[in-house]
Amino acid sequence: MPTNKKSPPMREIAEDLQRRIASGELLPGDPLPSTRTLAAEYGVAEKTVYRAISLLKAGGQIEGKQGKGVYVRSIKPLEWHMHRFERGPRRDDPSAGRDDWKIGVEEQGRVASQDTPRVTVEPAPADIAGWLQVEPGTFVVARRRVRRVDGEPFQLADSWFPTSVALETPLMLERDVTMPGGILASTGHPQKFLRDEIRVWPPTSPEEAERLELAEGVGTPVIRHVRIGYGVDDRPIRVMMTVAAGHLNTLVYEMEV
């Protein structure tokens, strides 16, 4: 880190250590330099370094080992195979409560689960209204979930539906629901066309960071994947926004050329 006249605060130290991890300067399993060494390097008090390290611990980038110090955590990202997800013959298994996403996770030898869905009927914000092709403020059904891999939050999966599609269907149930071919197809609203939009940026709200259990202020980037599903009349019937911690997820597309 370049020498500055002013000592960096704990968040700048945390961000610099995070940069060193991301660049490979510090590899998974490597020990961090001692608090005393880092304090001298950054020109700050040891308590400032300790607070920076606490931020990285909370964000999952590093871990403490009893009596051995602090180490870069070995992270195994999930491969999310977008070219197969929700396409073709879906692999939903209602008898086992395993939807297409869970099956994709389990194929990688991981454990998939999700928190209890939260369902509301609410006015559509401008971005959701645009994707659903309705006026902003039009009431829509929102279904919000936290998806976990090996018990840790990897993705937020929030979906919005026109009330004409979702009301009085299993989409209103605040529990895991798995149906053959997906809920929309099973309730008479099959998706015929999908559009994906992908952007990367920091969490946009403290609530988003809290749901993903990311340390506020560390700057962990998130992948924001929006999938708009269109029905038989070419009208949007669902918007699903998946917010995924950047260091925990790899989006994979495979296609013939």
C-alpha atoms as a PDB file:
ATOM      1  CA  MET A   1       0.000   0.000   0.000  1.00  0.00           C
ATOM      2  CA  PRO A   2       1.459   3.425  -0.913  1.00  0.00           C
ATOM      3  CA  THR A   3       2.693   5.579   1.952  1.00  0.00           C
ATOM      4  CA  ASN A   4       0.189   8.304   2.865  1.00  0.00           C
ATOM      5  CA  LYS A   5       0.698  11.324   5.073  1.00  0.00           C
ATOM      6  CA  LYS A   6      -2.532  10.518   6.850  1.00  0.00           C
ATOM      7  CA  SER A   7      -2.921   7.091   8.483  1.00  0.00           C
ATOM      8  CA  PRO A   8      -5.695   5.013   6.839  1.00  0.00           C
ATOM      9  CA  PRO A   9      -8.798   4.267   8.907  1.00  0.00           C
ATOM     10  CA  MET A  10      -9.824   0.693   9.665  1.00  0.00           C
ATOM     11  CA  ARG A  11     -12.105   0.419   6.624  1.00  0.00           C
ATOM     12  CA  GLU A  12      -9.338   1.468   4.241  1.00  0.00           C
ATOM     13  CA  ILE A  13      -7.044  -1.134   5.822  1.00  0.00           C
ATOM     14  CA  ALA A  14      -9.768  -3.780   5.493  1.00  0.00           C
ATOM     15  CA  GLU A  15     -10.312  -2.861   1.836  1.00  0.00           C
ATOM     16  CA  ASP A  16      -6.572  -2.989   1.128  1.00  0.00           C
ATOM     17  CA  LEU A  17      -6.234  -6.401   2.774  1.00  0.00           C
ATOM     18  CA  GLN A  18      -9.243  -7.547   0.780  1.00  0.00           C
ATOM     19  CA  ARG A  19      -7.527  -6.310  -2.407  1.00  0.00           C
ATOM     20  CA  ARG A  20      -4.391  -8.264  -1.506  1.00  0.00           C
ATOM     21  CA  ILE A  21      -6.483 -11.405  -1.040  1.00  0.00           C
ATOM     22  CA  ALA A  22      -8.361 -10.903  -4.325  1.00  0.00           C
ATOM     23  CA  SER A  23      -5.129 -10.298  -6.274  1.00  0.00           C
ATOM     24  CA  GLY A  24      -3.497 -13.474  -4.950  1.00  0.00           C
ATOM     25  CA  GLU A  25      -0.871 -11.642  -2.946  1.00  0.00           C
ATOM     26  CA  LEU A  26      -2.383 -13.426   0.054  1.00  0.00           C
ATOM     27  CA  LEU A  27      -3.553 -16.923  -0.882  1.00  0.00           C
ATOM     28  CA  PRO A  28      -6.181 -19.164   0.772  1.00  0.00           C
ATOM     29  CA  GLY A  29      -4.624 -20.722   3.854  1.00  0.00           C
ATOM     30  CA  ASP A  30      -1.933 -18.039   4.180  1.00  0.00           C
ATOM     31  CA  PRO A  31      -1.533 -16.419   7.602  1.00  0.00           C
ATOM     32  CA  LEU A  32      -2.017 -12.674   7.848  1.00  0.00           C
ATOM     33  CA  PRO A  33       0.962 -10.719   9.151  1.00  0.00           C
ATOM     34  CA  SER A  34       0.759 -10.099  12.890  1.00  0.00           C
ATOM     35  CA  THR A  35      -1.261  -7.175  14.219  1.00  0.00           C
ATOM     36  CA  ARG A  36       1.987  -5.486  15.259  1.00  0.00           C
ATOM     37  CA  THR A  37       3.489  -5.908  11.768  1.00  0.00           C
ATOM     38  CA  LEU A  38       0.365  -4.553  10.045  1.00  0.00           C
ATOM     39  CA  ALA A  39       0.179  -1.614  12.456  1.00  0.00           C
ATOM     40  CA  ALA A  40       3.728  -0.668  11.562  1.00  0.00           C
ATOM     41  CA  GLU A  41       3.069  -1.141   7.830  1.00  0.00           C
ATOM     42  CA  TYR A  42      -0.010   1.076   7.830  1.00  0.00           C
ATOM     43  CA  GLY A  43       1.267   3.495  10.454  1.00  0.00           C
ATOM     44  CA  VAL A  44      -1.670   3.068  12.837  1.00  0.00           C
ATOM     45  CA  ALA A  45      -2.377   1.800  16.331  1.00  0.00           C
ATOM     46  CA  GLU A  46      -2.767  -1.946  16.775  1.00  0.00           C
ATOM     47  CA  LYS A  47      -6.398  -1.489  17.856  1.00  0.00           C
ATOM     48  CA  THR A  48      -7.156   0.025  14.415  1.00  0.00           C
ATOM     49  CA  VAL A  49      -5.723  -3.061  12.700  1.00  0.00           C
ATOM     50  CA  TYR A  50      -7.678  -5.297  15.064  1.00  0.00           C
ATOM     51  CA  ARG A  51     -10.921  -3.550  14.054  1.00  0.00           C
ATOM     52  CA  ALA A  52     -10.065  -3.900  10.341  1.00  0.00           C
ATOM     53  CA  ILE A  53      -9.424  -7.618  10.832  1.00  0.00           C
ATOM     54  CA  SER A  54     -12.756  -7.915  12.654  1.00  0.00           C
ATOM     55  CA  LEU A  55     -14.489  -6.467   9.589  1.00  0.00           C
ATOM     56  CA  LEU A  56     -12.876  -9.064   7.329  1.00  0.00           C
ATOM     57  CA  LYS A  57     -13.797 -11.843   9.746  1.00  0.00           C
ATOM     58  CA  ALA A  58     -17.415 -10.688   9.707  1.00  0.00           C
ATOM     59  CA  GLY A  59     -17.329 -10.640   5.899  1.00  0.00           C
ATOM     60  CA  GLY A  60     -15.959 -14.193   5.753  1.00  0.00           C
ATOM     61  CA  GLN A  61     -12.679 -13.397   3.980  1.00  0.00           C
ATOM     62  CA  ILE A  62     -10.488 -14.478   6.896  1.00  0.00           C
ATOM     63  CA  GLU A  63     -10.817 -16.728   9.929  1.00  0.00           C
ATOM     64  CA  GLY A  64      -9.113 -17.036  13.284  1.00  0.00           C
ATOM     65  CA  LYS A  65      -7.557 -20.327  14.376  1.00  0.00           C
ATOM     66  CA  GLN A  66      -7.275 -20.914  18.107  1.00  0.00           C
ATOM     67  CA  GLY A  67      -3.719 -20.195  19.212  1.00  0.00           C
ATOM     68  CA  LYS A  68      -2.422 -19.965  15.643  1.00  0.00           C
ATOM     69  CA  GLY A  69      -3.416 -16.524  14.402  1.00  0.00           C
ATOM     70  CA  VAL A  70      -5.573 -15.286  11.537  1.00  0.00           C
ATOM     71  CA  TYR A  71      -5.630 -16.927   8.097  1.00  0.00           C
ATOM     72  CA  VAL A  72      -7.090 -16.219   4.670  1.00  0.00           C
ATOM     73  CA  ARG A  73     -10.170 -18.341   4.424  1.00  0.00           C
ATOM     74  CA  SER A  74     -10.365 -21.045   1.766  1.00  0.00           C
ATOM     75  CA  ILE A  75     -13.542 -20.202  -0.117  1.00  0.00           C
ATOM     76  CA  LYS A  76     -15.180 -22.643  -2.527  1.00  0.00           C
ATOM     77  CA  PRO A  77     -17.403 -20.617  -4.861  1.00  0.00           C
ATOM     78  CA  LEU A  78     -20.615 -22.087  -6.207  1.00  0.00           C
ATOM     79  CA  GLU A  79     -20.795 -22.571  -9.965  1.00  0.00           C
ATOM     80  CA  TRP A  80     -24.217 -21.347 -11.056  1.00  0.00           C
ATOM     81  CA  HIS A  81     -24.823 -22.888 -14.485  1.00  0.00           C
ATOM     82  CA  MET A  82     -27.007 -20.243 -16.066  1.00  0.00           C
ATOM     83  CA  HIS A  83     -27.269 -22.029 -19.428  1.00  0.00           C
ATOM     84  CA  ARG A  84     -29.195 -24.849 -17.700  1.00  0.00           C
ATOM     85  CA  PHE A  85     -30.997 -23.060 -14.867  1.00  0.00           C
ATOM     86  CA  GLU A  86     -34.763 -23.067 -15.505  1.00  0.00           C
ATOM     87  CA  ARG A  87     -34.256 -24.077 -19.133  1.00  0.00           C
ATOM     88  CA  GLY A  88     -35.570 -27.106 -20.988  1.00  0.00           C
ATOM     89  CA  PRO A  89     -36.945 -29.997 -18.928  1.00  0.00           C
ATOM     90  CA  ARG A  90     -36.633 -28.710 -15.382  1.00  0.00           C
ATOM     91  CA  ARG A  91     -35.415 -31.147 -12.746  1.00  0.00           C
ATOM     92  CA  ASP A  92     -37.794 -30.141  -9.937  1.00  0.00           C
ATOM     93  CA  ASP A  93     -38.497 -33.010  -7.533  1.00  0.00           C
ATOM     94  CA  PRO A  94     -41.647 -32.234  -5.490  1.00  0.00           C
ATOM     95  CA  SER A  95     -41.449 -35.498  -3.525  1.00  0.00           C
ATOM     96  CA  ALA A  96     -38.063 -34.479  -2.087  1.00  0.00           C
ATOM     97  CA  GLY A  97     -38.712 -30.724  -1.983  1.00  0.00           C
ATOM     98  CA  ARG A  98     -35.783 -30.099  -4.361  1.00  0.00           C
ATOM     99  CA  ASP A  99     -36.242 -27.432  -7.006  1.00  0.00           C
ATOM    100  CA  ASP A 100     -34.043 -26.834 -10.051  1.00  0.00           C
ATOM    101  CA  TRP A 101     -31.670 -24.537  -8.106  1.00  0.00           C
ATOM    102  CA  LYS A 102     -31.192 -26.972  -5.211  1.00  0.00           C
ATOM    103  CA  ILE A 103     -30.481 -29.848  -7.570  1.00  0.00           C
ATOM    104  CA  GLY A 104     -27.836 -27.770  -9.359  1.00  0.00           C
ATOM    105  CA  VAL A 105     -26.147 -27.051  -6.029  1.00  0.00           C
ATOM    106  CA  GLU A 106     -26.272 -30.679  -4.896  1.00  0.00           C
ATOM    107  CA  GLU A 107     -24.679 -31.827  -8.169  1.00  0.00           C
ATOM    108  CA  GLN A 108     -21.552 -30.028  -6.968  1.00  0.00           C
ATOM    109  CA  GLY A 109     -21.496 -31.972  -3.704  1.00  0.00           C
ATOM    110  CA  ARG A 110     -22.858 -29.037  -1.712  1.00  0.00           C
ATOM    111  CA  VAL A 111     -25.837 -28.750   0.654  1.00  0.00           C
ATOM    112  CA  ALA A 112     -28.633 -26.465  -0.590  1.00  0.00           C
ATOM    113  CA  SER A 113     -31.304 -24.834   1.573  1.00  0.00           C
ATOM    114  CA  GLN A 114     -33.282 -21.635   1.767  1.00  0.00           C
ATOM    115  CA  ASP A 115     -34.822 -19.550   4.522  1.00  0.00           C
ATOM    116  CA  THR A 116     -38.607 -19.323   4.858  1.00  0.00           C
ATOM    117  CA  PRO A 117     -39.868 -17.175   1.964  1.00  0.00           C
ATOM    118  CA  ARG A 118     -41.454 -13.816   2.794  1.00  0.00           C
ATOM    119  CA  VAL A 119     -44.461 -12.883   0.633  1.00  0.00           C
ATOM    120  CA  THR A 120     -46.032  -9.421   0.339  1.00  0.00           C
ATOM    121  CA  VAL A 121     -48.403  -7.536  -1.962  1.00  0.00           C
ATOM    122  CA  GLU A 122     -46.791  -4.139  -2.530  1.00  0.00           C
ATOM    123  CA  PRO A 123     -46.509  -1.229  -4.978  1.00  0.00           C
ATOM    124  CA  ALA A 124     -43.944  -1.939  -7.686  1.00  0.00           C
ATOM    125  CA  PRO A 125     -40.864   0.333  -7.573  1.00  0.00           C
ATOM    126  CA  ALA A 126     -39.820   1.927 -10.855  1.00  0.00           C
ATOM    127  CA  ASP A 127     -37.266  -0.702 -11.900  1.00  0.00           C
ATOM    128  CA  ILE A 128     -39.562  -3.665 -11.204  1.00  0.00           C
ATOM    129  CA  ALA A 129     -42.476  -1.891 -12.902  1.00  0.00           C
ATOM    130  CA  GLY A 130     -40.330  -1.315 -15.980  1.00  0.00           C
ATOM    131  CA  TRP A 131     -39.367  -4.962 -16.234  1.00  0.00           C
ATOM    132  CA  LEU A 132     -42.982  -6.106 -15.691  1.00  0.00           C
ATOM    133  CA  GLN A 133     -44.266  -3.448 -18.119  1.00  0.00           C
ATOM    134  CA  VAL A 134     -46.715  -1.937 -15.622  1.00  0.00           C
ATOM    135  CA  GLU A 135     -47.080   1.546 -14.172  1.00  0.00           C
ATOM    136  CA  PRO A 136     -44.881   2.313 -11.140  1.00  0.00           C
ATOM    137  CA  GLY A 137     -46.947   1.842  -7.986  1.00  0.00           C
ATOM    138  CA  THR A 138     -49.048  -0.937  -9.494  1.00  0.00           C
ATOM    139  CA  PHE A 139     -49.567  -3.622  -6.855  1.00  0.00           C
ATOM    140  CA  VAL A 140     -47.518  -6.762  -7.453  1.00  0.00           C
ATOM    141  CA  VAL A 141     -46.736  -9.889  -5.461  1.00  0.00           C
ATOM    142  CA  ALA A 142     -43.181 -10.050  -4.059  1.00  0.00           C
ATOM    143  CA  ARG A 143     -41.632 -13.309  -2.880  1.00  0.00           C
ATOM    144  CA  ARG A 144     -38.247 -12.943  -1.108  1.00  0.00           C
ATOM    145  CA  ARG A 145     -35.853 -15.745  -0.195  1.00  0.00           C
ATOM    146  CA  VAL A 146     -32.313 -16.245   1.120  1.00  0.00           C
ATOM    147  CA  ARG A 147     -30.607 -19.183  -0.581  1.00  0.00           C
ATOM    148  CA  ARG A 148     -27.882 -20.975   1.370  1.00  0.00           C
ATOM    149  CA  VAL A 149     -25.053 -23.291   0.390  1.00  0.00           C
ATOM    150  CA  ASP A 150     -23.545 -25.423   3.148  1.00  0.00           C
ATOM    151  CA  GLY A 151     -25.532 -23.309   5.608  1.00  0.00           C
ATOM    152  CA  GLU A 152     -24.113 -19.944   4.501  1.00  0.00           C
ATOM    153  CA  PRO A 153     -26.086 -17.254   2.624  1.00  0.00           C
ATOM    154  CA  PHE A 154     -24.882 -17.277  -0.989  1.00  0.00           C
ATOM    155  CA  GLN A 155     -27.775 -15.594  -2.800  1.00  0.00           C
ATOM    156  CA  LEU A 156     -30.854 -13.459  -2.289  1.00  0.00           C
ATOM    157  CA  ALA A 157     -33.595 -14.599  -4.668  1.00  0.00           C
ATOM    158  CA  ASP A 158     -36.414 -12.039  -4.777  1.00  0.00           C
ATOM    159  CA  SER A 159     -39.209 -12.371  -7.339  1.00  0.00           C
ATOM    160  CA  TRP A 160     -42.081 -10.112  -8.374  1.00  0.00           C
ATOM    161  CA  PHE A 161     -45.233 -11.214 -10.219  1.00  0.00           C
ATOM    162  CA  PRO A 162     -48.350  -9.480 -11.565  1.00  0.00           C
ATOM    163  CA  THR A 163     -51.244 -10.068  -9.173  1.00  0.00           C
ATOM    164  CA  SER A 164     -53.155 -11.723 -12.030  1.00  0.00           C
ATOM    165  CA  VAL A 165     -50.455 -14.403 -12.120  1.00  0.00           C
ATOM    166  CA  ALA A 166     -49.691 -14.956  -8.433  1.00  0.00           C
ATOM    167  CA  LEU A 167     -52.797 -14.317  -6.316  1.00  0.00           C
ATOM    168  CA  GLU A 168     -54.576 -17.435  -5.065  1.00  0.00           C
ATOM    169  CA  THR A 169     -51.668 -19.669  -6.160  1.00  0.00           C
ATOM    170  CA  PRO A 170     -48.917 -21.473  -4.199  1.00  0.00           C
ATOM    171  CA  LEU A 171     -46.707 -18.411  -4.841  1.00  0.00           C
ATOM    172  CA  MET A 172     -48.523 -16.795  -1.898  1.00  0.00           C
ATOM    173  CA  LEU A 173     -47.435 -19.510   0.545  1.00  0.00           C
ATOM    174  CA  GLU A 174     -44.634 -18.592   2.952  1.00  0.00           C
ATOM    175  CA  ARG A 175     -42.897 -21.939   2.729  1.00  0.00           C
ATOM    176  CA  ASP A 176     -40.810 -23.913   0.256  1.00  0.00           C
ATOM    177  CA  VAL A 177     -43.013 -24.934  -2.669  1.00  0.00           C
ATOM    178  CA  THR A 178     -41.773 -27.294  -5.377  1.00  0.00           C
ATOM    179  CA  MET A 179     -44.005 -28.261  -8.302  1.00  0.00           C
ATOM    180  CA  PRO A 180     -43.305 -30.164 -11.541  1.00  0.00           C
ATOM    181  CA  GLY A 181     -41.755 -27.804 -14.083  1.00  0.00           C
ATOM    182  CA  GLY A 182     -41.886 -24.922 -11.614  1.00  0.00           C
ATOM    183  CA  ILE A 183     -44.778 -23.142  -9.925  1.00  0.00           C
ATOM    184  CA  LEU A 184     -45.599 -20.888 -12.883  1.00  0.00           C
ATOM    185  CA  ALA A 185     -45.913 -23.777 -15.335  1.00  0.00           C
ATOM    186  CA  SER A 186     -47.938 -25.826 -12.854  1.00  0.00           C
ATOM    187  CA  THR A 187     -50.421 -22.973 -12.339  1.00  0.00           C
ATOM    188  CA  GLY A 188     -51.005 -22.335 -16.051  1.00  0.00           C
ATOM    189  CA  HIS A 189     -48.426 -19.596 -16.671  1.00  0.00           C
ATOM    190  CA  PRO A 190     -45.428 -21.240 -18.359  1.00  0.00           C
ATOM    191  CA  GLN A 191     -42.444 -19.075 -19.225  1.00  0.00           C
ATOM    192  CA  LYS A 192     -41.667 -19.190 -22.942  1.00  0.00           C
ATOM    193  CA  PHE A 193     -38.769 -16.735 -23.117  1.00  0.00           C
ATOM    194  CA  LEU A 194     -36.138 -15.510 -20.659  1.00  0.00           C
ATOM    195  CA  ARG A 195     -34.027 -12.349 -20.628  1.00  0.00           C
ATOM    196  CA  ASP A 196     -31.005 -12.046 -18.317  1.00  0.00           C
ATOM    197  CA  GLU A 197     -29.406  -8.786 -17.189  1.00  0.00           C
ATOM    198  CA  ILE A 198     -26.216  -8.892 -15.091  1.00  0.00           C
ATOM    199  CA  ARG A 199     -24.393  -6.091 -13.255  1.00  0.00           C
ATOM    200  CA  VAL A 200     -21.762  -5.990 -10.504  1.00  0.00           C
ATOM    201  CA  TRP A 201     -21.576  -3.345  -7.761  1.00  0.00           C
ATOM    202  CA  PRO A 202     -21.479  -2.980  -3.953  1.00  0.00           C
ATOM    203  CA  PRO A 203     -24.582  -3.852  -1.890  1.00  0.00           C
ATOM    204  CA  THR A 204     -27.126  -1.072  -2.357  1.00  0.00           C
ATOM    205  CA  SER A 205     -28.547  -1.095   1.174  1.00  0.00           C
ATOM    206  CA  PRO A 206     -27.643  -2.161   4.722  1.00  0.00           C
ATOM    207  CA  GLU A 207     -30.563  -4.633   4.560  1.00  0.00           C
ATOM    208  CA  GLU A 208     -29.067  -6.310   1.497  1.00  0.00           C
ATOM    209  CA  ALA A 209     -25.668  -6.636   3.179  1.00  0.00           C
ATOM    210  CA  GLU A 210     -27.330  -7.900   6.361  1.00  0.00           C
ATOM    211  CA  ARG A 211     -29.314 -10.593   4.536  1.00  0.00           C
ATOM    212  CA  LEU A 212     -26.106 -11.832   2.885  1.00  0.00           C
ATOM    213  CA  GLU A 213     -24.221 -11.470   6.180  1.00  0.00           C
ATOM    214  CA  LEU A 214     -21.621  -9.181   4.604  1.00  0.00           C
ATOM    215  CA  ALA A 215     -19.627  -6.789   6.748  1.00  0.00           C
ATOM    216  CA  GLU A 216     -20.866  -3.238   6.201  1.00  0.00           C
ATOM    217  CA  GLY A 217     -18.210  -0.936   4.812  1.00  0.00           C
ATOM    218  CA  VAL A 218     -15.771  -3.589   3.562  1.00  0.00           C
ATOM    219  CA  GLY A 219     -16.960  -3.191  -0.034  1.00  0.00           C
ATOM    220  CA  THR A 220     -17.579  -6.823  -1.021  1.00  0.00           C
ATOM    221  CA  PRO A 221     -19.043  -6.598  -4.553  1.00  0.00           C
ATOM    222  CA  VAL A 222     -22.268  -8.396  -5.387  1.00  0.00           C
ATOM    223  CA  ILE A 223     -23.537  -9.841  -8.650  1.00  0.00           C
ATOM    224  CA  ARG A 224     -27.040  -8.624  -9.473  1.00  0.00           C
ATOM    225  CA  HIS A 225     -28.660 -11.076 -11.897  1.00  0.00           C
ATOM    226  CA  VAL A 226     -32.120 -10.134 -13.156  1.00  0.00           C
ATOM    227  CA  ARG A 227     -34.144 -12.714 -15.073  1.00  0.00           C
ATOM    228  CA  ILE A 228     -37.370 -11.589 -16.737  1.00  0.00           C
ATOM    229  CA  GLY A 229     -39.718 -14.415 -17.718  1.00  0.00           C
ATOM    230  CA  TYR A 230     -42.231 -13.885 -20.538  1.00  0.00           C
ATOM    231  CA  GLY A 231     -45.448 -15.849 -20.990  1.00  0.00           C
ATOM    232  CA  VAL A 232     -47.249 -17.188 -24.025  1.00  0.00           C
ATOM    233  CA  ASP A 233     -48.497 -13.702 -24.986  1.00  0.00           C
ATOM    234  CA  ASP A 234     -44.956 -12.231 -24.782  1.00  0.00           C
ATOM    235  CA  ARG A 235     -45.892 -10.297 -21.652  1.00  0.00           C
ATOM    236  CA  PRO A 236     -43.602 -10.416 -18.570  1.00  0.00           C
ATOM    237  CA  ILE A 237     -44.991 -12.689 -15.855  1.00  0.00           C
ATOM    238  CA  ARG A 238     -42.038 -12.699 -13.454  1.00  0.00           C
ATOM    239  CA  VAL A 239     -38.970 -10.721 -12.506  1.00  0.00           C
ATOM    240  CA  MET A 240     -36.433 -12.580 -10.367  1.00  0.00           C
ATOM    241  CA  MET A 241     -33.536 -10.563  -8.988  1.00  0.00           C
ATOM    242  CA  THR A 242     -30.744 -12.697  -7.572  1.00  0.00           C
ATOM    243  CA  VAL A 243     -28.142 -10.816  -5.551  1.00  0.00           C
ATOM    244  CA  ALA A 244     -25.075 -13.001  -5.029  1.00  0.00           C
ATOM    245  CA  ALA A 245     -21.933 -12.291  -3.019  1.00  0.00           C
ATOM    246  CA  GLY A 246     -19.211 -11.866  -5.637  1.00  0.00           C
ATOM    247  CA  HIS A 247     -16.587 -13.970  -3.862  1.00  0.00           C
ATOM    248  CA  LEU A 248     -18.976 -16.903  -3.354  1.00  0.00           C
ATOM    249  CA  ASN A 249     -20.527 -17.287  -6.800  1.00  0.00           C
ATOM    250  CA  THR A 250     -19.292 -17.978 -10.329  1.00  0.00           C
ATOM    251  CA  LEU A 251     -21.831 -17.512 -13.134  1.00  0.00           C
ATOM    252  CA  VAL A 252     -21.242 -20.102 -15.872  1.00  0.00           C
ATOM    253  CA  TYR A 253     -22.604 -19.971 -19.422  1.00  0.00           C
ATOM    254  CA  GLU A 254     -21.833 -22.697 -21.949  1.00  0.00           C
ATOM    255  CA  MET A 255     -23.041 -22.432 -25.545  1.00  0.00           C
ATOM    256  CA  GLU A 256     -22.372 -23.891 -28.954  1.00  0.00           C
ATOM    257  CA  VAL A 257     -20.746 -21.691 -31.589  1.00  0.00           C
END
